[in-house]
C-alpha cells in the first residue's frame, strides 16, 4: 500500500527495481508533470510520497505490472517451447 508522507516501501522498491529500467523512468517522467529527478527520487526512496507526486508512484506501479504481465506471457511460451524440445520418456 502506498502511504502519503513516507517513501514507498522497501518491498515495492525491490519489485520496481527488478522490473523497471532507466528508460522506463524517463518515459514515466515524460507522461507526468514531474522531472526525471523526482521520479528517480521516489523510485530510490529518497523522497516521500505526497498528494502532488503520488501519480508518479502509481505510474511506476502500473508500468511494472504491465512488464510483469508481459514477462509471464513470454516465459509461459518459452516454457512450452522448451518442453516440446525435451525428449519424451
Protein backbone atom coordinates (compact mmCIF):
# COMPACT_ATOMS: atom_id res chain seq x y z
CA UNK A 1 0.00 0.00 0.00
CA UNK A 2 1.22 3.46 -0.84
CA UNK A 3 1.10 5.85 2.11
CA UNK A 4 1.33 9.60 1.86
CA UNK A 5 4.09 11.21 3.88
CA UNK A 6 6.50 8.29 3.65
CA UNK A 7 8.72 6.82 0.95
CA UNK A 8 7.49 3.77 -0.93
CA UNK A 9 8.07 0.54 0.97
CA UNK A 10 11.35 -1.33 0.66
CA UNK A 11 9.39 -4.26 -0.79
CA UNK A 12 7.83 -2.09 -3.50
CA UNK A 13 11.23 -0.59 -4.27
CA UNK A 14 12.65 -4.09 -4.76
CA UNK A 15 9.84 -5.06 -7.12
CA UNK A 16 10.13 -1.83 -9.12
CA UNK A 17 13.90 -2.21 -9.41
CA UNK A 18 13.53 -5.73 -10.77
CA UNK A 19 11.04 -4.65 -13.42
CA UNK A 20 11.77 -1.05 -14.39
CA UNK A 21 14.85 0.34 -16.08
CA UNK A 22 16.15 3.86 -16.61
CA UNK A 23 14.25 4.25 -19.89
CA UNK A 24 11.01 3.34 -18.12
CA UNK A 25 11.65 6.08 -15.56
CA UNK A 26 12.38 8.58 -18.33
CA UNK A 27 9.16 7.56 -20.10
CA UNK A 28 7.15 7.96 -16.88
CA UNK A 29 8.67 11.39 -16.34
CA UNK A 30 7.56 12.39 -19.84
CA UNK A 31 3.99 11.20 -19.14
CA UNK A 32 3.54 13.17 -15.92
CA UNK A 33 4.24 16.75 -14.92
CA UNK A 34 7.31 15.83 -12.86
CA UNK A 35 11.01 15.89 -13.57
CA UNK A 36 13.11 12.79 -14.01
CA UNK A 37 14.88 13.62 -10.73
CA UNK A 38 11.56 13.48 -8.86
CA UNK A 39 10.67 10.15 -10.46
CA UNK A 40 14.11 8.80 -9.60
CA UNK A 41 13.91 10.09 -6.03
CA UNK A 42 10.60 8.32 -5.47
CA UNK A 43 11.99 5.15 -7.09
CA UNK A 44 15.04 5.12 -4.80
CA UNK A 45 13.01 6.07 -1.70
CA UNK A 46 14.85 9.35 -1.12
CA UNK A 47 11.61 11.32 -1.37
CA UNK A 48 8.29 10.76 0.38
CA UNK A 49 5.03 10.26 -1.47
CA UNK A 50 2.77 13.31 -1.38
CA UNK A 51 -0.65 14.07 -2.78
CA UNK A 52 1.09 16.01 -5.54
CA UNK A 53 3.52 13.27 -6.61
CA UNK A 54 1.55 10.08 -5.90
CA UNK A 55 0.60 9.93 -9.59
CA UNK A 56 4.27 9.20 -10.31
CA UNK A 57 4.24 6.21 -7.97
CA UNK A 58 1.03 4.87 -9.50
CA UNK A 59 2.54 5.23 -12.98
CA UNK A 60 5.61 3.25 -11.84
CA UNK A 61 3.41 0.53 -10.34
CA UNK A 62 1.26 0.34 -13.49
CA UNK A 63 4.33 0.13 -15.73
CA UNK A 64 5.89 -2.57 -13.53
CA UNK A 65 2.61 -4.52 -13.53
CA UNK A 66 2.44 -4.37 -17.34
CA UNK A 67 6.02 -5.53 -17.66
CA UNK A 68 5.40 -8.37 -15.20
CA UNK A 69 2.38 -9.50 -17.24
CA UNK A 70 4.46 -9.38 -20.43
CA UNK A 71 7.20 -11.40 -18.77
CA UNK A 72 4.77 -14.04 -17.53
CA UNK A 73 3.36 -14.44 -21.04
CA UNK A 74 6.84 -14.65 -22.55
CA UNK A 75 8.11 -17.20 -20.06
CA UNK A 76 4.99 -19.36 -20.32
CA UNK A 77 5.51 -19.54 -24.09
CA UNK A 78 9.23 -20.21 -23.63
CA UNK A 79 8.43 -22.95 -21.13
CA UNK A 80 6.13 -24.65 -23.64
CA UNK A 81 8.76 -24.41 -26.39
CA UNK A 82 11.38 -25.92 -24.12
CA UNK A 83 9.01 -28.68 -23.03
CA UNK A 84 8.38 -29.61 -26.66
CA UNK A 85 12.14 -29.76 -27.26
CA UNK A 86 12.77 -32.22 -24.42
CA UNK A 87 12.98 -35.92 -25.25
CA UNK A 88 9.90 -37.94 -24.44
CA UNK A 89 10.45 -40.65 -21.84
